[in-house]
Protein backbone atom coordinates (compact mmCIF):
# COMPACT_ATOMS: atom_id res chain seq x y z
CA MET A 1 -0.10 0.00 -0.05
CA ILE A 2 1.18 3.56 -0.86
CA SER A 3 -0.08 6.39 1.17
CA THR A 4 -0.75 9.79 -0.37
CA SER A 5 2.42 11.29 1.48
CA GLU A 6 4.63 9.03 -0.70
CA PHE A 7 3.08 10.57 -3.81
CA ARG A 8 5.95 11.53 -6.24
CA ASN A 9 6.04 12.27 -10.01
CA GLY A 10 6.66 8.81 -11.56
CA THR A 11 5.14 6.77 -8.74
CA LYS A 12 3.08 3.94 -9.91
CA ILE A 13 -0.26 3.01 -8.28
CA GLU A 14 -3.04 0.81 -8.88
CA LEU A 15 -6.74 2.02 -9.11
CA GLU A 16 -9.81 -0.20 -9.78
CA GLY A 17 -7.47 -2.96 -11.09
CA GLU A 18 -5.59 -0.61 -13.64
CA PRO A 19 -1.94 0.39 -13.16
CA TYR A 20 -1.34 4.23 -13.29
CA VAL A 21 1.72 6.33 -13.17
CA ILE A 22 1.54 9.86 -11.43
CA LEU A 23 2.31 12.58 -13.87
CA GLU A 24 1.57 15.56 -11.39
CA PHE A 25 0.55 15.95 -7.78
CA LEU A 26 -0.42 18.80 -5.57
CA HIS A 27 -0.91 18.60 -1.76
CA VAL A 28 -3.59 21.22 -0.85
CA LYS A 29 -4.62 22.25 2.56
CA PRO A 30 -7.59 24.37 2.51
CA GLY A 31 -8.53 26.72 5.37
CA LYS A 32 -11.66 24.59 6.03
CA GLY A 33 -11.83 21.02 5.86
CA GLY A 34 -9.32 18.41 5.49
CA ALA A 35 -6.14 18.29 3.44
CA PHE A 36 -6.19 16.42 0.11
CA VAL A 37 -4.05 15.49 -2.83
CA ARG A 38 -4.76 16.47 -6.53
CA THR A 39 -3.22 14.11 -9.02
CA LYS A 40 -2.93 13.78 -12.81
CA LEU A 41 -2.70 10.00 -13.63
CA LYS A 42 -1.76 8.31 -16.77
CA ASN A 43 -3.25 4.86 -17.33
CA LEU A 44 -0.27 2.53 -18.22
CA ARG A 45 -2.46 0.07 -20.16
CA THR A 46 -4.47 2.61 -22.34
CA GLY A 47 -2.33 5.76 -22.30
CA GLY A 48 -5.41 7.89 -21.03
CA VAL A 49 -4.81 10.74 -18.67
CA VAL A 50 -7.36 11.26 -15.67
CA ASP A 51 -7.57 13.70 -12.70
CA ARG A 52 -8.26 12.22 -9.40
CA THR A 53 -8.36 13.60 -5.88
CA PHE A 54 -7.41 11.67 -2.88
CA ARG A 55 -7.82 12.55 0.94
CA SER A 56 -4.70 13.19 2.80
CA GLY A 57 -3.38 10.00 4.33
CA GLU A 58 -5.58 7.80 2.00
CA LYS A 59 -3.80 4.61 0.98
CA VAL A 60 -3.85 3.10 -2.51
CA ASP A 61 -2.47 -0.39 -3.87
CA GLU A 62 0.90 -0.82 -5.49
CA PRO A 63 0.56 -2.46 -8.97
CA GLU A 64 1.97 -5.93 -9.62
CA LEU A 65 4.48 -4.72 -12.36
CA GLU A 66 7.41 -6.64 -13.69
CA GLU A 67 10.22 -5.39 -15.86
CA LYS A 68 12.03 -7.46 -18.26
CA GLU A 69 15.27 -6.20 -20.12
CA VAL A 70 15.08 -6.80 -23.60
CA GLN A 71 16.87 -5.87 -26.90
CA TYR A 72 14.90 -4.18 -29.78
CA LEU A 73 15.42 -6.16 -33.07
CA TYR A 74 13.22 -4.91 -36.00
CA THR A 75 9.85 -3.64 -37.09
CA THR A 76 7.37 -5.26 -39.56
CA GLY A 77 4.31 -3.19 -40.31
CA GLU A 78 2.70 -2.29 -36.89
CA ASP A 79 4.57 -5.11 -34.89
CA TYR A 80 7.84 -4.40 -33.10
CA PHE A 81 10.02 -7.25 -32.16
CA PHE A 82 12.08 -7.72 -29.10
CA MET A 83 14.36 -10.44 -27.52
CA ASP A 84 14.43 -11.24 -23.92
CA THR A 85 18.26 -10.81 -22.92
CA LYS A 86 18.19 -13.69 -20.39
CA THR A 87 16.12 -16.37 -22.28
CA TYR A 88 16.65 -15.28 -25.83
CA GLU A 89 12.96 -15.62 -26.51
CA GLN A 90 11.56 -13.36 -29.01
CA LEU A 91 8.29 -11.34 -28.43
CA SER A 92 6.19 -8.76 -30.35
CA LEU A 93 4.40 -5.76 -29.39
CA ASN A 94 1.85 -3.68 -31.42
CA VAL A 95 2.57 -0.12 -32.03
CA SER A 96 -0.44 0.74 -29.85
CA HIS A 97 1.63 -0.53 -26.78
CA LEU A 98 4.72 1.72 -27.67
CA GLY A 99 3.01 5.21 -28.02
CA ASP A 100 5.60 7.90 -28.79
CA SER A 101 8.26 5.65 -27.45
CA LYS A 102 8.48 4.10 -31.11
CA TYR A 103 10.23 7.38 -32.31
CA PHE A 104 13.26 6.93 -30.09
CA LEU A 105 13.78 3.22 -30.75
CA LYS A 106 16.95 2.15 -32.66
CA GLU A 107 17.88 -1.43 -33.56
CA ASN A 108 19.93 -3.39 -30.93
CA MET A 109 18.79 -1.06 -28.09
CA ILE A 110 18.36 -2.44 -24.64
CA ILE A 111 15.18 -1.35 -23.03
CA GLU A 112 12.62 -2.52 -20.50
CA ILE A 113 9.15 -3.90 -21.26
CA LEU A 114 6.58 -3.43 -18.52
CA TYR A 115 4.43 -6.30 -17.50
CA HIS A 116 1.19 -6.07 -15.60
CA VAL A 117 -0.32 -9.21 -14.47
CA GLU A 118 2.07 -11.15 -16.91
CA LYS A 119 0.97 -9.10 -20.00
CA PRO A 120 3.03 -6.71 -21.73
CA ILE A 121 1.61 -3.05 -21.25
CA GLY A 122 4.28 -0.97 -22.60
CA ILE A 123 8.06 -0.13 -22.59
CA GLU A 124 10.54 2.06 -20.85
CA LEU A 125 13.39 3.80 -22.76
CA PRO A 126 16.45 5.01 -21.49
CA ILE A 127 16.25 8.64 -20.23
CA PHE A 128 18.61 9.82 -22.92
CA VAL A 129 19.28 8.40 -26.34
CA GLU A 130 21.77 9.40 -29.10
CA LEU A 131 20.28 9.99 -32.61
CA LYS A 132 21.54 11.29 -35.95
CA VAL A 133 19.99 14.22 -37.61
CA VAL A 134 19.06 13.27 -41.01
CA LYS A 135 17.06 16.47 -42.14
CA THR A 136 17.10 19.89 -41.11
CA SER A 137 17.70 23.33 -42.80
CA PRO A 138 21.19 24.25 -42.85
CA GLY A 139 22.59 26.77 -40.17
CA VAL A 140 23.17 30.18 -41.67
CA ARG A 141 26.43 31.86 -40.48
CA GLY A 142 25.62 34.45 -37.56
CA ASP A 143 22.49 32.65 -36.54
CA THR A 144 24.16 30.73 -34.01
CA ALA A 145 24.27 33.28 -31.32
CA SER A 146 20.45 34.19 -31.47
CA GLY A 147 19.43 30.97 -29.45
CA GLY A 148 16.74 30.24 -31.83
CA SER A 149 15.64 26.63 -32.93
CA LYS A 150 14.66 24.76 -35.86
CA PRO A 151 12.96 21.48 -36.79
CA ALA A 152 14.84 18.51 -37.49
CA ILE A 153 13.98 14.79 -38.48
CA LEU A 154 15.96 12.19 -36.94
CA GLU A 155 17.15 8.69 -38.04
CA THR A 156 14.19 7.20 -36.20
CA GLY A 157 11.51 9.49 -37.78
CA ALA A 158 11.08 11.54 -34.81
CA THR A 159 10.85 15.50 -35.22
CA VAL A 160 12.34 17.61 -32.50
CA LYS A 161 13.41 21.31 -32.18
CA ILE A 162 17.13 21.78 -32.19
CA PRO A 163 19.40 24.74 -31.92
CA LEU A 164 20.23 26.68 -35.22
CA HIS A 165 23.99 25.49 -35.28
CA ILE A 166 23.24 21.74 -35.40
CA ASN A 167 23.37 20.54 -39.24
CA GLU A 168 22.49 17.23 -41.00
CA GLY A 169 24.69 14.34 -39.96
CA ASP A 170 25.28 15.57 -36.45
CA ILE A 171 24.64 13.08 -33.54
CA ILE A 172 22.60 14.73 -30.77
CA LYS A 173 21.42 13.55 -27.27
CA ILE A 174 17.63 13.71 -26.60
CA ASP A 175 15.53 13.33 -23.41
CA THR A 176 13.04 10.55 -24.23
CA ARG A 177 10.54 11.78 -21.41
CA THR A 178 10.16 15.29 -22.94
CA SER A 179 11.51 14.78 -26.61
CA GLU A 180 13.80 17.71 -26.05
CA TYR A 181 17.16 18.35 -27.52
CA ILE A 182 19.75 18.06 -24.77
CA GLU A 183 23.32 18.42 -26.42
CA ARG A 184 25.40 17.47 -29.50
CA VAL A 185 27.53 14.46 -29.27
CA LYS A 186 31.10 14.74 -30.24
């Protein structure tokens, strides 16, 4: 059981038999009445986001989640194929299980598949990935100091905003949680 005092961004809880992750939370202590916690929760199975209010001190269940380390192999149509790094078994997940994570998958990447009650419900990527810029407008001399940004298409098909001084062929580090540029890799 998890108490509302232990709520943090990223904490996983179970409500009505469904696994959720806390995206945002706010402890509220009104002048009148008891304190409560407002949360924004993302359903790990469906990807839907809901708002939920809990009384302060209320306890919720911890979900039965299991993570398995796998290696991403390849894609065929809507199916993504992975190999368990311990048993070498192959399994496939539909694109609906991946959501926006599919834009940061590179062949041979090691990731975690999240299971709930022995059924795969999604993947967890490394926080940072290094990807090559395959298409972007060229940087114009003198633009680099202005601090602006431009769109770029990466080798996996993801589109992100990058600084003006980054060119095609550069390898950049991306935060997979926010899809934001972090730095150029040398």
